Amino acid sequence: MSSERLKRVKELIREEKALEAKKVFNDIEPEESVNYYLTKGVLEQKFQNLGDAINAFSKVIELDPLNSEAKNNLHIIHNILNFWNPDLYNP
């Protein structure tokens, strides 16, 4: 049952219906699965909740150390957080 709901959340995210996706996701009972945490991470990333996204993607890697999607998303978030624009400091 939850796999169908997770699938629906992913569809809603692809359709740019993040608010609706979040509502569906919040009704899903948390589970210790790669699919659950990967979906949670993508959803949190959509809402710019980067700390929660990092935690979710880290949990995916804990469950599946070779998961490239979680690794790529973590890399993207770390690049965002480490962004530095030298022109801001040179008026």
PDB file of N, CA and C in Angstrom:
ATOM      1  N   MET A   1       0.823  -1.195   0.000  1.00  0.00           N
ATOM      2  CA  MET A   1       0.000   0.000   0.000  1.00  0.00           C
ATOM      3  C   MET A   1       0.867   1.260   0.000  1.00  0.00           C
ATOM      4  N   SER A   2       1.887   1.309   0.878  1.00  0.00           N
ATOM      5  CA  SER A   2       2.712   2.511   0.929  1.00  0.00           C
ATOM      6  C   SER A   2       3.530   2.675  -0.342  1.00  0.00           C
ATOM      7  N   SER A   3       3.890   1.573  -1.009  1.00  0.00           N
ATOM      8  CA  SER A   3       4.655   1.699  -2.255  1.00  0.00           C
ATOM      9  C   SER A   3       3.820   2.388  -3.334  1.00  0.00           C
ATOM     10  N   GLU A   4       2.515   2.134  -3.340  1.00  0.00           N
ATOM     11  CA  GLU A   4       1.631   2.815  -4.294  1.00  0.00           C
ATOM     12  C   GLU A   4       1.550   4.309  -3.978  1.00  0.00           C
ATOM     13  N   ARG A   5       1.485   4.638  -2.692  1.00  0.00           N
ATOM     14  CA  ARG A   5       1.427   6.046  -2.297  1.00  0.00           C
ATOM     15  C   ARG A   5       2.747   6.754  -2.618  1.00  0.00           C
ATOM     16  N   LEU A   6       3.866   6.067  -2.377  1.00  0.00           N
ATOM     17  CA  LEU A   6       5.169   6.659  -2.705  1.00  0.00           C
ATOM     18  C   LEU A   6       5.279   6.899  -4.209  1.00  0.00           C
ATOM     19  N   LYS A   7       4.763   5.964  -4.979  1.00  0.00           N
ATOM     20  CA  LYS A   7       4.752   6.112  -6.433  1.00  0.00           C
ATOM     21  C   LYS A   7       3.920   7.338  -6.822  1.00  0.00           C
ATOM     22  N   ARG A   8       2.797   7.521  -6.163  1.00  0.00           N
ATOM     23  CA  ARG A   8       1.924   8.679  -6.422  1.00  0.00           C
ATOM     24  C   ARG A   8       2.634   9.982  -6.059  1.00  0.00           C
ATOM     25  N   VAL A   9       3.357   9.987  -4.946  1.00  0.00           N
ATOM     26  CA  VAL A   9       4.108  11.179  -4.537  1.00  0.00           C
ATOM     27  C   VAL A   9       5.130  11.541  -5.609  1.00  0.00           C
ATOM     28  N   LYS A  10       5.846  10.543  -6.125  1.00  0.00           N
ATOM     29  CA  LYS A  10       6.850  10.793  -7.171  1.00  0.00           C
ATOM     30  C   LYS A  10       6.200  11.365  -8.431  1.00  0.00           C
ATOM     31  N   GLU A  11       5.038  10.842  -8.787  1.00  0.00           N
ATOM     32  CA  GLU A  11       4.313  11.361  -9.949  1.00  0.00           C
ATOM     33  C   GLU A  11       3.940  12.826  -9.736  1.00  0.00           C
ATOM     34  N   LEU A  12       3.442  13.146  -8.552  1.00  0.00           N
ATOM     35  CA  LEU A  12       3.048  14.520  -8.248  1.00  0.00           C
ATOM     36  C   LEU A  12       4.251  15.464  -8.272  1.00  0.00           C
ATOM     37  N   ILE A  13       5.381  14.987  -7.780  1.00  0.00           N
ATOM     38  CA  ILE A  13       6.598  15.811  -7.829  1.00  0.00           C
ATOM     39  C   ILE A  13       6.983  16.088  -9.275  1.00  0.00           C
ATOM     40  N   ARG A  14       6.944  15.060 -10.119  1.00  0.00           N
ATOM     41  CA  ARG A  14       7.268  15.235 -11.551  1.00  0.00           C
ATOM     42  C   ARG A  14       6.300  16.211 -12.228  1.00  0.00           C
ATOM     43  N   GLU A  15       5.057  16.221 -11.754  1.00  0.00           N
ATOM     44  CA  GLU A  15       4.042  17.116 -12.320  1.00  0.00           C
ATOM     45  C   GLU A  15       4.090  18.506 -11.691  1.00  0.00           C
ATOM     46  N   GLU A  16       5.107  18.759 -10.872  1.00  0.00           N
ATOM     47  CA  GLU A  16       5.276  20.052 -10.184  1.00  0.00           C
ATOM     48  C   GLU A  16       4.108  20.377  -9.249  1.00  0.00           C
ATOM     49  N   LYS A  17       3.574  19.353  -8.604  1.00  0.00           N
ATOM     50  CA  LYS A  17       2.494  19.517  -7.626  1.00  0.00           C
ATOM     51  C   LYS A  17       3.033  19.156  -6.247  1.00  0.00           C
ATOM     52  N   ALA A  18       4.026  19.928  -5.815  1.00  0.00           N
ATOM     53  CA  ALA A  18       4.750  19.610  -4.588  1.00  0.00           C
ATOM     54  C   ALA A  18       3.863  19.664  -3.341  1.00  0.00           C
ATOM     55  N   LEU A  19       2.973  20.643  -3.271  1.00  0.00           N
ATOM     56  CA  LEU A  19       2.098  20.732  -2.096  1.00  0.00           C
ATOM     57  C   LEU A  19       1.209  19.505  -1.969  1.00  0.00           C
ATOM     58  N   GLU A  20       0.641  19.080  -3.074  1.00  0.00           N
ATOM     59  CA  GLU A  20      -0.206  17.887  -3.062  1.00  0.00           C
ATOM     60  C   GLU A  20       0.633  16.652  -2.722  1.00  0.00           C
ATOM     61  N   ALA A  21       1.845  16.598  -3.274  1.00  0.00           N
ATOM     62  CA  ALA A  21       2.745  15.474  -2.993  1.00  0.00           C
ATOM     63  C   ALA A  21       3.067  15.403  -1.508  1.00  0.00           C
ATOM     64  N   LYS A  22       3.300  16.561  -0.900  1.00  0.00           N
ATOM     65  CA  LYS A  22       3.626  16.602   0.536  1.00  0.00           C
ATOM     66  C   LYS A  22       2.453  16.102   1.378  1.00  0.00           C
ATOM     67  N   LYS A  23       1.231  16.469   0.990  1.00  0.00           N
ATOM     68  CA  LYS A  23       0.050  16.002   1.713  1.00  0.00           C
ATOM     69  C   LYS A  23      -0.073  14.480   1.642  1.00  0.00           C
ATOM     70  N   VAL A  24       0.124  13.920   0.458  1.00  0.00           N
ATOM     71  CA  VAL A  24       0.048  12.463   0.290  1.00  0.00           C
ATOM     72  C   VAL A  24       1.166  11.799   1.097  1.00  0.00           C
ATOM     73  N   PHE A  25       2.382  12.361   1.011  1.00  0.00           N
ATOM     74  CA  PHE A  25       3.514  11.776   1.717  1.00  0.00           C
ATOM     75  C   PHE A  25       3.299  11.784   3.231  1.00  0.00           C
ATOM     76  N   ASN A  26       2.743  12.863   3.745  1.00  0.00           N
ATOM     77  CA  ASN A  26       2.534  12.973   5.189  1.00  0.00           C
ATOM     78  C   ASN A  26       1.544  11.938   5.723  1.00  0.00           C
ATOM     79  N   ASP A  27       0.723  11.362   4.845  1.00  0.00           N
ATOM     80  CA  ASP A  27      -0.226  10.329   5.257  1.00  0.00           C
ATOM     81  C   ASP A  27       0.377   8.921   5.215  1.00  0.00           C
ATOM     82  N   ILE A  28       1.625   8.819   4.763  1.00  0.00           N
ATOM     83  CA  ILE A  28       2.289   7.523   4.668  1.00  0.00           C
ATOM     84  C   ILE A  28       2.983   7.223   5.987  1.00  0.00           C
ATOM     85  N   GLU A  29       2.803   6.024   6.466  1.00  0.00           N
ATOM     86  CA  GLU A  29       3.476   5.583   7.690  1.00  0.00           C
ATOM     87  C   GLU A  29       4.976   5.442   7.397  1.00  0.00           C
ATOM     88  N   PRO A  30       5.829   6.095   8.198  1.00  0.00           N
ATOM     89  CA  PRO A  30       7.278   5.995   7.957  1.00  0.00           C
ATOM     90  C   PRO A  30       7.756   4.545   7.959  1.00  0.00           C
ATOM     91  N   GLU A  31       8.687   4.252   7.067  1.00  0.00           N
ATOM     92  CA  GLU A  31       9.225   2.900   6.988  1.00  0.00           C
ATOM     93  C   GLU A  31      10.722   2.969   6.709  1.00  0.00           C
ATOM     94  N   GLU A  32      11.431   1.952   7.098  1.00  0.00           N
ATOM     95  CA  GLU A  32      12.872   1.869   6.895  1.00  0.00           C
ATOM     96  C   GLU A  32      13.155   1.280   5.515  1.00  0.00           C
ATOM     97  N   SER A  33      12.956   2.097   4.474  1.00  0.00           N
ATOM     98  CA  SER A  33      13.230   1.605   3.125  1.00  0.00           C
ATOM     99  C   SER A  33      13.905   2.691   2.304  1.00  0.00           C
ATOM    100  N   VAL A  34      14.674   2.258   1.327  1.00  0.00           N
ATOM    101  CA  VAL A  34      15.355   3.179   0.426  1.00  0.00           C
ATOM    102  C   VAL A  34      14.327   4.032  -0.302  1.00  0.00           C
ATOM    103  N   ASN A  35      13.275   3.419  -0.791  1.00  0.00           N
ATOM    104  CA  ASN A  35      12.249   4.131  -1.543  1.00  0.00           C
ATOM    105  C   ASN A  35      11.609   5.246  -0.715  1.00  0.00           C
ATOM    106  N   TYR A  36      11.308   4.945   0.553  1.00  0.00           N
ATOM    107  CA  TYR A  36      10.683   5.934   1.430  1.00  0.00           C
ATOM    108  C   TYR A  36      11.611   7.131   1.642  1.00  0.00           C
ATOM    109  N   TYR A  37      12.849   6.865   2.019  1.00  0.00           N
ATOM    110  CA  TYR A  37      13.770   7.963   2.330  1.00  0.00           C
ATOM    111  C   TYR A  37      14.215   8.719   1.079  1.00  0.00           C
ATOM    112  N   LEU A  38      14.309   8.039  -0.046  1.00  0.00           N
ATOM    113  CA  LEU A  38      14.647   8.724  -1.287  1.00  0.00           C
ATOM    114  C   LEU A  38      13.537   9.694  -1.674  1.00  0.00           C
ATOM    115  N   THR A  39      12.296   9.241  -1.558  1.00  0.00           N
ATOM    116  CA  THR A  39      11.147  10.103  -1.848  1.00  0.00           C
ATOM    117  C   THR A  39      11.098  11.268  -0.869  1.00  0.00           C
ATOM    118  N   LYS A  40      11.335  10.985   0.407  1.00  0.00           N
ATOM    119  CA  LYS A  40      11.344  12.039   1.423  1.00  0.00           C
ATOM    120  C   LYS A  40      12.422  13.078   1.106  1.00  0.00           C
ATOM    121  N   GLY A  41      13.600  12.625   0.722  1.00  0.00           N
ATOM    122  CA  GLY A  41      14.687  13.535   0.400  1.00  0.00           C
ATOM    123  C   GLY A  41      14.372  14.441  -0.769  1.00  0.00           C
ATOM    124  N   VAL A  42      13.819  13.879  -1.816  1.00  0.00           N
ATOM    125  CA  VAL A  42      13.452  14.671  -2.998  1.00  0.00           C
ATOM    126  C   VAL A  42      12.384  15.694  -2.629  1.00  0.00           C
ATOM    127  N   LEU A  43      11.421  15.278  -1.849  1.00  0.00           N
ATOM    128  CA  LEU A  43      10.340  16.174  -1.435  1.00  0.00           C
ATOM    129  C   LEU A  43      10.877  17.302  -0.547  1.00  0.00           C
ATOM    130  N   GLU A  44      11.724  16.967   0.405  1.00  0.00           N
ATOM    131  CA  GLU A  44      12.300  18.001   1.276  1.00  0.00           C
ATOM    132  C   GLU A  44      13.166  18.967   0.464  1.00  0.00           C
ATOM    133  N   GLN A  45      13.863  18.443  -0.506  1.00  0.00           N
ATOM    134  CA  GLN A  45      14.695  19.279  -1.374  1.00  0.00           C
ATOM    135  C   GLN A  45      13.822  20.258  -2.159  1.00  0.00           C
ATOM    136  N   LYS A  46      12.674  19.806  -2.605  1.00  0.00           N
ATOM    137  CA  LYS A  46      11.731  20.667  -3.334  1.00  0.00           C
ATOM    138  C   LYS A  46      11.316  21.870  -2.497  1.00  0.00           C
ATOM    139  N   PHE A  47      11.157  21.649  -1.196  1.00  0.00           N
ATOM    140  CA  PHE A  47      10.718  22.713  -0.300  1.00  0.00           C
ATOM    141  C   PHE A  47      11.887  23.451   0.350  1.00  0.00           C
ATOM    142  N   GLN A  48      13.087  23.200  -0.153  1.00  0.00           N
ATOM    143  CA  GLN A  48      14.304  23.852   0.343  1.00  0.00           C
ATOM    144  C   GLN A  48      14.592  23.529   1.807  1.00  0.00           C
ATOM    145  N   ASN A  49      14.096  22.412   2.288  1.00  0.00           N
ATOM    146  CA  ASN A  49      14.410  21.932   3.632  1.00  0.00           C
ATOM    147  C   ASN A  49      15.673  21.075   3.513  1.00  0.00           C
ATOM    148  N   LEU A  50      16.793  21.757   3.295  1.00  0.00           N
ATOM    149  CA  LEU A  50      18.017  21.049   2.936  1.00  0.00           C
ATOM    150  C   LEU A  50      18.551  20.165   4.051  1.00  0.00           C
ATOM    151  N   GLY A  51      18.400  20.575   5.297  1.00  0.00           N
ATOM    152  CA  GLY A  51      18.839  19.725   6.404  1.00  0.00           C
ATOM    153  C   GLY A  51      18.081  18.415   6.440  1.00  0.00           C
ATOM    154  N   ASP A  52      16.764  18.486   6.282  1.00  0.00           N
ATOM    155  CA  ASP A  52      15.947  17.269   6.268  1.00  0.00           C
ATOM    156  C   ASP A  52      16.254  16.412   5.035  1.00  0.00           C
ATOM    157  N   ALA A  53      16.526  17.076   3.915  1.00  0.00           N
ATOM    158  CA  ALA A  53      16.880  16.346   2.690  1.00  0.00           C
ATOM    159  C   ALA A  53      18.206  15.613   2.881  1.00  0.00           C
ATOM    160  N   ILE A  54      19.187  16.288   3.480  1.00  0.00           N
ATOM    161  CA  ILE A  54      20.486  15.649   3.743  1.00  0.00           C
ATOM    162  C   ILE A  54      20.295  14.428   4.632  1.00  0.00           C
ATOM    163  N   ASN A  55      19.494  14.567   5.677  1.00  0.00           N
ATOM    164  CA  ASN A  55      19.241  13.440   6.580  1.00  0.00           C
ATOM    165  C   ASN A  55      18.594  12.274   5.846  1.00  0.00           C
ATOM    166  N   ALA A  56      17.626  12.567   4.988  1.00  0.00           N
ATOM    167  CA  ALA A  56      16.931  11.500   4.254  1.00  0.00           C
ATOM    168  C   ALA A  56      17.879  10.808   3.272  1.00  0.00           C
ATOM    169  N   PHE A  57      18.649  11.588   2.509  1.00  0.00           N
ATOM    170  CA  PHE A  57      19.577  10.983   1.547  1.00  0.00           C
ATOM    171  C   PHE A  57      20.690  10.216   2.262  1.00  0.00           C
ATOM    172  N   SER A  58      21.114  10.710   3.423  1.00  0.00           N
ATOM    173  CA  SER A  58      22.127   9.995   4.208  1.00  0.00           C
ATOM    174  C   SER A  58      21.582   8.653   4.685  1.00  0.00           C
ATOM    175  N   LYS A  59      20.310   8.633   5.044  1.00  0.00           N
ATOM    176  CA  LYS A  59      19.672   7.382   5.475  1.00  0.00           C
ATOM    177  C   LYS A  59      19.614   6.392   4.308  1.00  0.00           C
ATOM    178  N   VAL A  60      19.348   6.905   3.094  1.00  0.00           N
ATOM    179  CA  VAL A  60      19.347   6.039   1.907  1.00  0.00           C
ATOM    180  C   VAL A  60      20.714   5.388   1.748  1.00  0.00           C
ATOM    181  N   ILE A  61      21.772   6.190   1.884  1.00  0.00           N
ATOM    182  CA  ILE A  61      23.124   5.663   1.716  1.00  0.00           C
ATOM    183  C   ILE A  61      23.471   4.679   2.834  1.00  0.00           C
ATOM    184  N   GLU A  62      22.939   4.919   4.012  1.00  0.00           N
ATOM    185  CA  GLU A  62      23.131   3.969   5.119  1.00  0.00           C
ATOM    186  C   GLU A  62      22.489   2.620   4.770  1.00  0.00           C
ATOM    187  N   LEU A  63      21.299   2.666   4.165  1.00  0.00           N
ATOM    188  CA  LEU A  63      20.583   1.438   3.792  1.00  0.00           C
ATOM    189  C   LEU A  63      21.132   0.816   2.513  1.00  0.00           C
ATOM    190  N   ASP A  64      21.604   1.657   1.591  1.00  0.00           N
ATOM    191  CA  ASP A  64      22.111   1.209   0.294  1.00  0.00           C
ATOM    192  C   ASP A  64      23.324   2.055  -0.074  1.00  0.00           C
ATOM    193  N   PRO A  65      24.517   1.652   0.380  1.00  0.00           N
ATOM    194  CA  PRO A  65      25.721   2.466   0.192  1.00  0.00           C
ATOM    195  C   PRO A  65      26.066   2.792  -1.266  1.00  0.00           C
ATOM    196  N   LEU A  66      25.528   2.054  -2.205  1.00  0.00           N
ATOM    197  CA  LEU A  66      25.847   2.296  -3.616  1.00  0.00           C
ATOM    198  C   LEU A  66      24.778   3.105  -4.350  1.00  0.00           C
ATOM    199  N   ASN A  67      23.809   3.630  -3.638  1.00  0.00           N
ATOM    200  CA  ASN A  67      22.704   4.345  -4.281  1.00  0.00           C
ATOM    201  C   ASN A  67      23.197   5.652  -4.885  1.00  0.00           C
ATOM    202  N   SER A  68      23.255   5.679  -6.216  1.00  0.00           N
ATOM    203  CA  SER A  68      23.819   6.840  -6.919  1.00  0.00           C
ATOM    204  C   SER A  68      22.881   8.053  -6.885  1.00  0.00           C
ATOM    205  N   GLU A  69      21.579   7.831  -6.863  1.00  0.00           N
ATOM    206  CA  GLU A  69      20.647   8.961  -6.832  1.00  0.00           C
ATOM    207  C   GLU A  69      20.802   9.756  -5.535  1.00  0.00           C
ATOM    208  N   ALA A  70      20.895   9.058  -4.420  1.00  0.00           N
ATOM    209  CA  ALA A  70      21.075   9.734  -3.128  1.00  0.00           C
ATOM    210  C   ALA A  70      22.424  10.451  -3.087  1.00  0.00           C
ATOM    211  N   LYS A  71      23.472   9.805  -3.590  1.00  0.00           N
ATOM    212  CA  LYS A  71      24.804  10.423  -3.617  1.00  0.00           C
ATOM    213  C   LYS A  71      24.806  11.682  -4.473  1.00  0.00           C
ATOM    214  N   ASN A  72      24.159  11.615  -5.635  1.00  0.00           N
ATOM    215  CA  ASN A  72      24.092  12.783  -6.523  1.00  0.00           C
ATOM    216  C   ASN A  72      23.327  13.930  -5.872  1.00  0.00           C
ATOM    217  N   ASN A  73      22.208  13.616  -5.236  1.00  0.00           N
ATOM    218  CA  ASN A  73      21.413  14.658  -4.582  1.00  0.00           C
ATOM    219  C   ASN A  73      22.170  15.283  -3.410  1.00  0.00           C
ATOM    220  N   LEU A  74      22.892  14.465  -2.652  1.00  0.00           N
ATOM    221  CA  LEU A  74      23.718  15.013  -1.571  1.00  0.00           C
ATOM    222  C   LEU A  74      24.792  15.944  -2.121  1.00  0.00           C
ATOM    223  N   HIS A  75      25.391  15.541  -3.231  1.00  0.00           N
ATOM    224  CA  HIS A  75      26.420  16.364  -3.874  1.00  0.00           C
ATOM    225  C   HIS A  75      25.843  17.720  -4.299  1.00  0.00           C
ATOM    226  N   ILE A  76      24.665  17.697  -4.879  1.00  0.00           N
ATOM    227  CA  ILE A  76      24.002  18.937  -5.310  1.00  0.00           C
ATOM    228  C   ILE A  76      23.734  19.833  -4.102  1.00  0.00           C
ATOM    229  N   ILE A  77      23.204  19.262  -3.037  1.00  0.00           N
ATOM    230  CA  ILE A  77      22.898  20.059  -1.838  1.00  0.00           C
ATOM    231  C   ILE A  77      24.174  20.641  -1.243  1.00  0.00           C
ATOM    232  N   HIS A  78      25.218  19.839  -1.172  1.00  0.00           N
ATOM    233  CA  HIS A  78      26.482  20.351  -0.618  1.00  0.00           C
ATOM    234  C   HIS A  78      27.039  21.475  -1.486  1.00  0.00           C
ATOM    235  N   ASN A  79      26.877  21.370  -2.799  1.00  0.00           N
ATOM    236  CA  ASN A  79      27.325  22.452  -3.686  1.00  0.00           C
ATOM    237  C   ASN A  79      26.517  23.724  -3.431  1.00  0.00           C
ATOM    238  N   ILE A  80      25.232  23.579  -3.207  1.00  0.00           N
ATOM    239  CA  ILE A  80      24.394  24.745  -2.907  1.00  0.00           C
ATOM    240  C   ILE A  80      24.842  25.381  -1.594  1.00  0.00           C
ATOM    241  N   LEU A  81      25.060  24.567  -0.597  1.00  0.00           N
ATOM    242  CA  LEU A  81      25.435  25.084   0.714  1.00  0.00           C
ATOM    243  C   LEU A  81      26.842  25.677   0.724  1.00  0.00           C
ATOM    244  N   ASN A  82      27.710  25.186  -0.147  1.00  0.00           N
ATOM    245  CA  ASN A  82      29.088  25.669  -0.201  1.00  0.00           C
ATOM    246  C   ASN A  82      29.300  26.733  -1.267  1.00  0.00           C
ATOM    247  N   PHE A  83      28.223  27.176  -1.893  1.00  0.00           N
ATOM    248  CA  PHE A  83      28.342  28.171  -2.949  1.00  0.00           C
ATOM    249  C   PHE A  83      29.004  29.433  -2.411  1.00  0.00           C
ATOM    250  N   TRP A  84      29.931  29.923  -3.179  1.00  0.00           N
ATOM    251  CA  TRP A  84      30.631  31.142  -2.787  1.00  0.00           C
ATOM    252  C   TRP A  84      30.802  31.981  -4.029  1.00  0.00           C
ATOM    253  N   ASN A  85      30.380  33.225  -3.960  1.00  0.00           N
ATOM    254  CA  ASN A  85      30.495  34.137  -5.082  1.00  0.00           C
ATOM    255  C   ASN A  85      31.499  35.222  -4.727  1.00  0.00           C
ATOM    256  N   PRO A  86      32.730  35.138  -5.258  1.00  0.00           N
ATOM    257  CA  PRO A  86      33.755  36.115  -4.882  1.00  0.00           C
ATOM    258  C   PRO A  86      33.380  37.547  -5.254  1.00  0.00           C
ATOM    259  N   ASP A  87      32.539  37.744  -6.253  1.00  0.00           N
ATOM    260  CA  ASP A  87      32.152  39.104  -6.654  1.00  0.00           C
ATOM    261  C   ASP A  87      31.374  39.817  -5.559  1.00  0.00           C
ATOM    262  N   LEU A  88      30.732  39.056  -4.672  1.00  0.00           N
ATOM    263  CA  LEU A  88      30.009  39.683  -3.574  1.00  0.00           C
ATOM    264  C   LEU A  88      30.952  40.398  -2.603  1.00  0.00           C
ATOM    265  N   TYR A  89      32.196  39.955  -2.595  1.00  0.00           N
ATOM    266  CA  TYR A  89      33.165  40.517  -1.657  1.00  0.00           C
ATOM    267  C   TYR A  89      34.093  41.533  -2.312  1.00  0.00           C
ATOM    268  N   ASN A  90      33.937  41.785  -3.607  1.00  0.00           N
ATOM    269  CA  ASN A  90      34.778  42.735  -4.333  1.00  0.00           C
ATOM    270  C   ASN A  90      33.912  43.825  -4.972  1.00  0.00           C
ATOM    271  N   PRO A  91      33.594  44.854  -4.228  1.00  0.00           N
ATOM    272  CA  PRO A  91      32.712  45.907  -4.768  1.00  0.00           C
ATOM    273  C   PRO A  91      33.364  46.723  -5.870  1.00  0.00           C
TER     274      PRO A  91
END
